[in-house]
Protein backbone atom coordinates (compact mmCIF):
# COMPACT_ATOMS: atom_id res chain seq x y z
CA UNK A 1 -50.79 -4.52 -101.59
CA UNK A 2 -48.09 -7.33 -102.61
CA UNK A 3 -49.23 -10.72 -103.88
CA UNK A 4 -48.83 -13.89 -102.53
CA UNK A 5 -46.08 -16.43 -103.65
CA UNK A 6 -47.02 -19.88 -103.64
CA UNK A 7 -44.95 -22.91 -104.94
CA UNK A 8 -45.36 -26.36 -105.53
CA UNK A 9 -42.46 -28.77 -105.58
CA UNK A 10 -43.61 -32.05 -107.99
CA UNK A 11 -45.62 -31.56 -110.93
CA UNK A 12 -47.14 -35.48 -111.37
CA UNK A 13 -50.89 -35.59 -110.59
CA UNK A 14 -51.22 -34.97 -107.11
CA UNK A 15 -49.24 -31.58 -107.94
CA UNK A 16 -51.02 -30.99 -111.07
CA UNK A 17 -54.56 -30.98 -108.94
CA UNK A 18 -53.11 -29.03 -106.30
CA UNK A 19 -52.30 -26.28 -108.63
CA UNK A 20 -55.70 -26.55 -110.25
CA UNK A 21 -56.74 -25.61 -106.95
CA UNK A 22 -54.78 -22.95 -106.54
CA UNK A 23 -56.31 -21.22 -109.83
CA UNK A 24 -59.45 -20.77 -107.62
CA UNK A 25 -57.69 -18.61 -105.34
CA UNK A 26 -59.88 -15.16 -104.80
CA UNK A 27 -56.34 -12.92 -104.28
CA UNK A 28 -54.25 -13.10 -107.14
CA UNK A 29 -51.01 -14.89 -107.02
CA UNK A 30 -47.51 -15.46 -107.52
CA UNK A 31 -47.47 -19.22 -108.53
CA UNK A 32 -43.95 -21.01 -109.12
CA UNK A 33 -44.53 -24.49 -110.41
CA UNK A 34 -40.92 -26.74 -109.96
CA UNK A 35 -40.12 -30.70 -111.48
CA UNK A 36 -36.92 -31.97 -112.86
CA UNK A 37 -39.39 -33.40 -114.82
CA UNK A 38 -39.98 -30.92 -118.25
CA UNK A 39 -42.44 -33.33 -119.70
CA UNK A 40 -44.33 -32.95 -116.67
CA UNK A 41 -43.91 -29.54 -116.41
CA UNK A 42 -45.43 -29.14 -119.64
CA UNK A 43 -48.31 -31.43 -118.43
CA UNK A 44 -48.77 -29.20 -115.47
CA UNK A 45 -48.67 -25.72 -117.81
CA UNK A 46 -51.39 -26.90 -120.16
CA UNK A 47 -53.34 -28.30 -117.30
CA UNK A 48 -53.53 -25.19 -115.11
CA UNK A 49 -54.06 -22.78 -118.51
CA UNK A 50 -57.35 -24.73 -118.84
CA UNK A 51 -58.33 -24.44 -115.73
CA UNK A 52 -61.12 -21.76 -114.80
CA UNK A 53 -59.78 -18.88 -112.82
CA UNK A 54 -56.34 -19.34 -113.86
CA UNK A 55 -55.73 -16.51 -116.00
CA UNK A 56 -55.65 -13.67 -112.75
CA UNK A 57 -52.63 -15.59 -111.60
CA UNK A 58 -48.96 -15.13 -112.80
CA UNK A 59 -47.39 -18.90 -113.14
CA UNK A 60 -44.27 -20.03 -113.96
CA UNK A 61 -42.46 -23.12 -114.53
CA UNK A 62 -39.33 -23.65 -113.55
CA UNK A 63 -37.30 -27.51 -113.59
CA UNK A 64 -34.73 -26.58 -110.35
CA UNK A 65 -35.36 -25.22 -107.29
CA UNK A 66 -33.06 -22.52 -107.76
CA UNK A 67 -34.96 -20.70 -110.17
CA UNK A 68 -37.82 -20.82 -107.30
CA UNK A 69 -38.05 -17.10 -105.24
CA UNK A 70 -36.15 -16.08 -102.78
CA UNK A 71 -38.71 -15.65 -100.20
CA UNK A 72 -42.10 -17.60 -100.39
CA UNK A 73 -45.40 -16.81 -98.42
CA UNK A 74 -46.09 -21.13 -98.97
CA UNK A 75 -44.58 -24.22 -100.43
CA UNK A 76 -46.47 -27.36 -101.29
CA UNK A 77 -44.09 -30.45 -101.66
CA UNK A 78 -45.76 -33.45 -104.03
CA UNK A 79 -42.59 -35.11 -104.43
CA UNK A 80 -41.86 -38.68 -103.57
CA UNK A 81 -40.94 -39.63 -100.09
CA UNK A 82 -37.69 -41.57 -100.81
CA UNK A 83 -36.55 -37.80 -101.80
CA UNK A 84 -39.18 -35.20 -99.60
CA UNK A 85 -36.44 -34.52 -96.87
CA UNK A 86 -33.38 -34.01 -99.65
CA UNK A 87 -36.32 -31.46 -101.94
CA UNK A 88 -37.21 -29.78 -98.21
CA UNK A 89 -33.47 -29.27 -97.33
CA UNK A 90 -32.65 -27.89 -100.55
CA UNK A 91 -35.56 -25.36 -100.54
CA UNK A 92 -34.83 -23.27 -96.67
CA UNK A 93 -31.19 -23.84 -97.62
CA UNK A 94 -31.75 -21.35 -100.09
CA UNK A 95 -35.35 -19.97 -99.79
CA UNK A 96 -37.46 -18.34 -96.86
CA UNK A 97 -40.81 -19.80 -96.61
CA UNK A 98 -43.13 -19.22 -94.09
CA UNK A 99 -45.50 -22.54 -94.67
CA UNK A 100 -44.90 -25.70 -95.95
CA UNK A 101 -47.71 -27.83 -97.20
CA UNK A 102 -45.99 -31.81 -96.93
CA UNK A 103 -47.69 -34.86 -99.00
CA UNK A 104 -47.69 -38.14 -97.38
CA UNK A 105 -45.83 -41.04 -96.45
CA UNK A 106 -43.46 -38.07 -95.53
CA UNK A 107 -40.59 -40.11 -95.09
CA UNK A 108 -38.90 -43.33 -95.62
CA UNK A 109 -36.18 -43.10 -92.84
CA UNK A 110 -37.27 -42.77 -88.71
CA UNK A 111 -34.59 -40.22 -88.41
CA UNK A 112 -35.85 -38.30 -91.54
CA UNK A 113 -38.61 -36.51 -88.59
CA UNK A 114 -36.21 -35.48 -86.34
CA UNK A 115 -34.06 -33.61 -88.50
CA UNK A 116 -36.27 -32.27 -90.89
CA UNK A 117 -38.50 -30.81 -87.67
CA UNK A 118 -34.73 -29.24 -86.50
CA UNK A 119 -34.65 -27.52 -89.78
CA UNK A 120 -38.04 -26.27 -89.72
CA UNK A 121 -37.50 -24.77 -86.02
CA UNK A 122 -34.28 -23.61 -87.19
CA UNK A 123 -36.02 -21.73 -90.61
CA UNK A 124 -38.56 -21.07 -88.67
CA UNK A 125 -40.83 -22.31 -91.33
CA UNK A 126 -44.44 -24.30 -90.31
CA UNK A 127 -45.13 -26.82 -91.84
CA UNK A 128 -48.83 -28.89 -92.21
CA UNK A 129 -49.06 -32.33 -93.76
CA UNK A 130 -51.95 -33.17 -96.50
CA UNK A 131 -53.92 -35.37 -94.65
CA UNK A 132 -57.34 -33.66 -95.96
CA UNK A 133 -60.30 -35.54 -94.37
CA UNK A 134 -60.11 -32.83 -91.76
CA UNK A 135 -61.34 -30.45 -94.56
CA UNK A 136 -64.35 -32.64 -95.09
CA UNK A 137 -67.70 -31.22 -94.00
CA UNK A 138 -68.92 -34.82 -93.56
CA UNK A 139 -66.15 -35.78 -91.48
CA UNK A 140 -66.59 -32.40 -89.18
CA UNK A 141 -70.52 -33.87 -89.13
CA UNK A 142 -69.20 -37.24 -87.65
CA UNK A 143 -66.71 -35.06 -85.21
CA UNK A 144 -69.32 -33.47 -83.76
CA UNK A 145 -71.52 -36.58 -84.01
CA UNK A 146 -69.31 -38.40 -81.61
CA UNK A 147 -68.43 -35.33 -79.19
CA UNK A 148 -69.87 -36.78 -76.27
CA UNK A 149 -68.16 -40.57 -76.85
CA UNK A 150 -66.07 -41.78 -73.90
CA UNK A 151 -64.73 -44.49 -76.30
CA UNK A 152 -65.55 -46.14 -79.44
CA UNK A 153 -63.68 -48.64 -81.94
CA UNK A 154 -63.20 -47.88 -85.82
CA UNK A 155 -63.53 -50.61 -88.77
CA UNK A 156 -62.05 -49.62 -92.51
CA UNK A 157 -61.88 -51.72 -95.09
CA UNK A 158 -61.69 -52.04 -98.80
CA UNK A 159 -60.33 -54.34 -101.31
CA UNK A 160 -57.31 -53.52 -102.20
CA UNK A 161 -56.94 -49.88 -101.29
CA UNK A 162 -52.93 -49.12 -101.32
CA UNK A 163 -52.64 -50.10 -97.66
CA UNK A 164 -48.83 -48.86 -96.93
CA UNK A 165 -49.65 -45.89 -98.73
CA UNK A 166 -53.05 -44.69 -97.63
CA UNK A 167 -52.88 -46.35 -93.86
CA UNK A 168 -52.07 -42.20 -92.73
CA UNK A 169 -54.89 -41.07 -94.07
CA UNK A 170 -57.36 -43.26 -92.12
CA UNK A 171 -54.90 -43.13 -89.10
CA UNK A 172 -55.01 -39.15 -89.40
CA UNK A 173 -58.91 -39.77 -89.41
CA UNK A 174 -59.18 -41.89 -86.47
CA UNK A 175 -57.02 -39.03 -84.45
CA UNK A 176 -58.99 -36.39 -85.84
CA UNK A 177 -62.15 -38.19 -84.34
CA UNK A 178 -60.84 -39.70 -81.50
CA UNK A 179 -57.30 -37.95 -80.38
CA UNK A 180 -53.61 -39.24 -81.06
CA UNK A 181 -52.69 -39.45 -77.91
CA UNK A 182 -51.05 -43.36 -76.75
CA UNK A 183 -50.82 -45.12 -80.30
CA UNK A 184 -50.66 -48.19 -80.64
CA UNK A 185 -49.99 -50.70 -83.44
CA UNK A 186 -49.83 -53.84 -84.87
CA UNK A 187 -49.43 -55.20 -88.04
CA UNK A 188 -48.86 -59.28 -87.37
CA UNK A 189 -51.80 -59.45 -89.10
CA UNK A 190 -50.58 -58.34 -92.35
CA UNK A 191 -49.95 -60.35 -95.66
CA UNK A 192 -46.98 -62.27 -95.02
CA UNK A 193 -45.62 -61.11 -98.44
CA UNK A 194 -45.55 -57.55 -99.41
CA UNK A 195 -46.84 -55.99 -103.41
CA UNK A 196 -44.79 -54.02 -105.70
CA UNK A 197 -46.75 -50.39 -105.75
CA UNK A 198 -47.73 -48.99 -108.61
CA UNK A 199 -45.75 -46.23 -108.65
CA UNK A 200 -42.20 -48.09 -109.72
CA UNK A 201 -39.32 -48.15 -107.16
CA UNK A 202 -42.12 -48.35 -104.05
CA UNK A 203 -43.34 -51.63 -102.41
CA UNK A 204 -47.35 -51.96 -100.94
CA UNK A 205 -48.94 -54.31 -98.80
CA UNK A 206 -52.23 -56.21 -97.84
CA UNK A 207 -53.67 -57.55 -94.64
CA UNK A 208 -54.89 -56.05 -91.90
CA UNK A 209 -53.05 -53.11 -89.37
CA UNK A 210 -54.70 -52.90 -85.81
CA UNK A 211 -54.25 -50.55 -83.46
CA UNK A 212 -55.63 -48.11 -80.38
CA UNK A 213 -55.67 -44.25 -80.10
CA UNK A 214 -56.95 -41.92 -77.83
CA UNK A 215 -60.87 -42.39 -77.48
CA UNK A 216 -60.69 -44.85 -79.93
CA UNK A 217 -59.81 -48.42 -77.83
CA UNK A 218 -59.41 -50.34 -81.26
CA UNK A 219 -59.00 -49.89 -84.65
CA UNK A 220 -58.41 -52.32 -87.82
CA UNK A 221 -57.62 -51.03 -91.11
CA UNK A 222 -58.01 -54.00 -93.98
CA UNK A 223 -56.71 -54.21 -97.02
CA UNK A 224 -58.01 -57.08 -99.47
CA UNK A 225 -55.95 -58.89 -101.69
CA UNK A 226 -59.45 -59.84 -103.67
CA UNK A 227 -61.15 -57.46 -105.64
CA UNK A 228 -64.90 -55.73 -105.68
CA UNK A 229 -65.08 -54.78 -101.86
CA UNK A 230 -66.09 -51.41 -101.49
CA UNK A 231 -65.23 -49.20 -98.55
CA UNK A 232 -66.99 -49.01 -95.75
CA UNK A 233 -66.29 -47.39 -92.18
CA UNK A 234 -68.07 -48.71 -89.36
CA UNK A 235 -67.50 -46.57 -85.95
CA UNK A 236 -69.18 -47.60 -82.98
CA UNK A 237 -69.33 -46.24 -79.79
CA UNK A 238 -71.31 -45.53 -76.40
CA UNK A 239 -72.68 -42.97 -77.81
CA UNK A 240 -74.07 -43.34 -81.36
CA UNK A 241 -73.51 -46.54 -84.72
CA UNK A 242 -72.41 -44.94 -87.98
CA UNK A 243 -72.17 -47.09 -91.40
CA UNK A 244 -69.90 -45.14 -94.29
CA UNK A 245 -70.39 -45.79 -97.34
CA UNK A 246 -67.85 -43.92 -99.83
CA UNK A 247 -68.51 -45.36 -102.64
CA UNK A 248 -72.11 -44.47 -102.34
CA UNK A 249 -71.79 -41.13 -100.60
CA UNK A 250 -74.08 -42.17 -98.01
CA UNK A 251 -73.49 -43.11 -94.50
CA UNK A 252 -76.05 -45.00 -91.97
CA UNK A 253 -76.33 -43.51 -88.11
CA UNK A 254 -78.72 -44.54 -85.00
CA UNK A 255 -77.93 -43.31 -81.58
CA UNK A 256 -80.66 -42.22 -78.77
CA UNK A 257 -81.98 -38.71 -81.00
CA UNK A 258 -83.41 -41.41 -83.24
CA UNK A 259 -84.69 -44.17 -80.80
CA UNK A 260 -81.37 -46.31 -82.28
CA UNK A 261 -83.22 -46.85 -85.76
CA UNK A 262 -81.02 -46.37 -88.45
CA UNK A 263 -81.37 -42.90 -90.53
CA UNK A 264 -79.54 -42.21 -93.92
CA UNK A 265 -77.58 -39.06 -94.67
CA UNK A 266 -75.99 -38.21 -98.25
CA UNK A 267 -72.82 -36.09 -98.61
CA UNK A 268 -70.19 -35.30 -100.92
CA UNK A 269 -66.18 -35.93 -100.69
CA UNK A 270 -64.52 -32.68 -102.31
CA UNK A 271 -61.43 -33.32 -104.44
CA UNK A 272 -58.08 -32.02 -104.10
CA UNK A 273 -58.35 -29.63 -106.66
CA UNK A 274 -61.21 -27.80 -104.62
CA UNK A 275 -59.68 -28.18 -101.34
CA UNK A 276 -55.91 -27.11 -101.62
CA UNK A 277 -57.10 -23.18 -102.19
CA UNK A 278 -59.23 -23.67 -99.04
CA UNK A 279 -56.60 -24.35 -97.02
CA UNK A 280 -53.85 -21.91 -98.70
CA UNK A 281 -56.69 -18.91 -97.99
CA UNK A 282 -56.78 -20.13 -94.26
CA UNK A 283 -52.90 -19.94 -93.86
CA UNK A 284 -52.62 -16.77 -95.54
CA UNK A 285 -55.59 -15.28 -93.25
CA UNK A 286 -54.45 -16.73 -90.01
CA UNK A 287 -51.19 -18.83 -90.04
CA UNK A 288 -53.07 -21.42 -89.65
CA UNK A 289 -55.39 -24.39 -91.33
CA UNK A 290 -57.39 -27.36 -90.98
CA UNK A 291 -55.10 -29.56 -91.95
CA UNK A 292 -52.51 -31.79 -89.47
CA UNK A 293 -49.87 -30.36 -88.19
CA UNK A 294 -46.35 -31.64 -88.99
CA UNK A 295 -45.91 -32.68 -84.87
CA UNK A 296 -49.11 -34.90 -85.03
CA UNK A 297 -48.65 -36.01 -88.48
CA UNK A 298 -45.07 -37.04 -87.63
CA UNK A 299 -46.20 -39.08 -84.53
CA UNK A 300 -48.98 -40.93 -86.32
CA UNK A 301 -46.12 -41.89 -88.96
CA UNK A 302 -43.21 -43.10 -86.65
CA UNK A 303 -45.60 -45.09 -84.80
CA UNK A 304 -46.56 -46.87 -88.05
CA UNK A 305 -42.96 -47.14 -89.53
CA UNK A 306 -41.57 -48.56 -86.66
CA UNK A 307 -43.45 -51.50 -87.01
CA UNK A 308 -43.24 -51.58 -91.07
CA UNK A 309 -40.02 -51.15 -90.99
CA UNK A 310 -39.33 -54.90 -89.19
CA UNK A 311 -41.97 -56.49 -91.32
CA UNK A 312 -39.89 -55.02 -94.38
CA UNK A 313 -36.52 -56.29 -93.00
CA UNK A 314 -37.83 -59.92 -92.81
CA UNK A 315 -38.56 -59.93 -96.71
CA UNK A 316 -35.11 -58.93 -96.94
CA UNK A 317 -35.88 -54.59 -97.79
CA UNK A 318 -33.07 -52.69 -96.56
CA UNK A 319 -32.58 -52.20 -93.04
CA UNK A 320 -34.14 -48.99 -91.94
CA UNK A 321 -36.12 -48.49 -94.93
CA UNK A 322 -39.90 -47.99 -95.16
CA UNK A 323 -40.22 -48.17 -98.85
CA UNK A 324 -43.59 -46.83 -99.69
CA UNK A 325 -44.74 -43.29 -101.17
């Protein structure tokens, strides 16, 4: 039986989490990790060798895409948004890849989306975007609770949670619960001045993003500059009320079955290092997985970046650039 060939491009912290998850794969695989930073490769190799299950896989660590296999089943691209299109183009120019798993934010220019979509179609590669809430058991439970809702409102807020970088996660969560048709986004309530990101060379935002999507007639994503406010998600619908507190791993809900009295439910949030292996196994066995398709995620990204690009341009940022990752 041929071993599956899995690649990772980008051996930073997130790439290492993906790599740790691959050690948990049930079947023996050939894993290739690529990064131009040799120190990052060295660190990734050390971490991988110390991960349970790593011994049964064949792993190599290379400093260029040209050193990766000419054919791979799945490649995870865990680079920054500023180089992702270039990396995808270089990879698919020299290798045949069946499936791509892309980190986000996907790209920084709007024309990248159409260009990469055309490339994927031409190369007959299928891509998914790593918004892993769709794989969380608690999110599947929420989707079931809201299955009969005709309309809902969703509010997500916390202190300084890197709104620019992470908004797409919550937009994807809303799309999962409510559908992603007719997306409307309003950034007029963002704080007037951007911030420097913790990641060098990128920018961040605070304030509130509002909008509507599918059955969700109104949503708000708020990031406060003042510290100390934990993550809180409130979902109001015509069938139930939900208050989710990720920091406590607990939620409260009320619906007709509870007599509209609040009930508590605890939950766990799986780490990325225990999720990527599940997505990979799903792809290898069925050709699909629970992660968001490139097409749907692109719609969400484009809707957001169309609003953020003018926001940054008004503050002197290069025209057409959305400098988040």
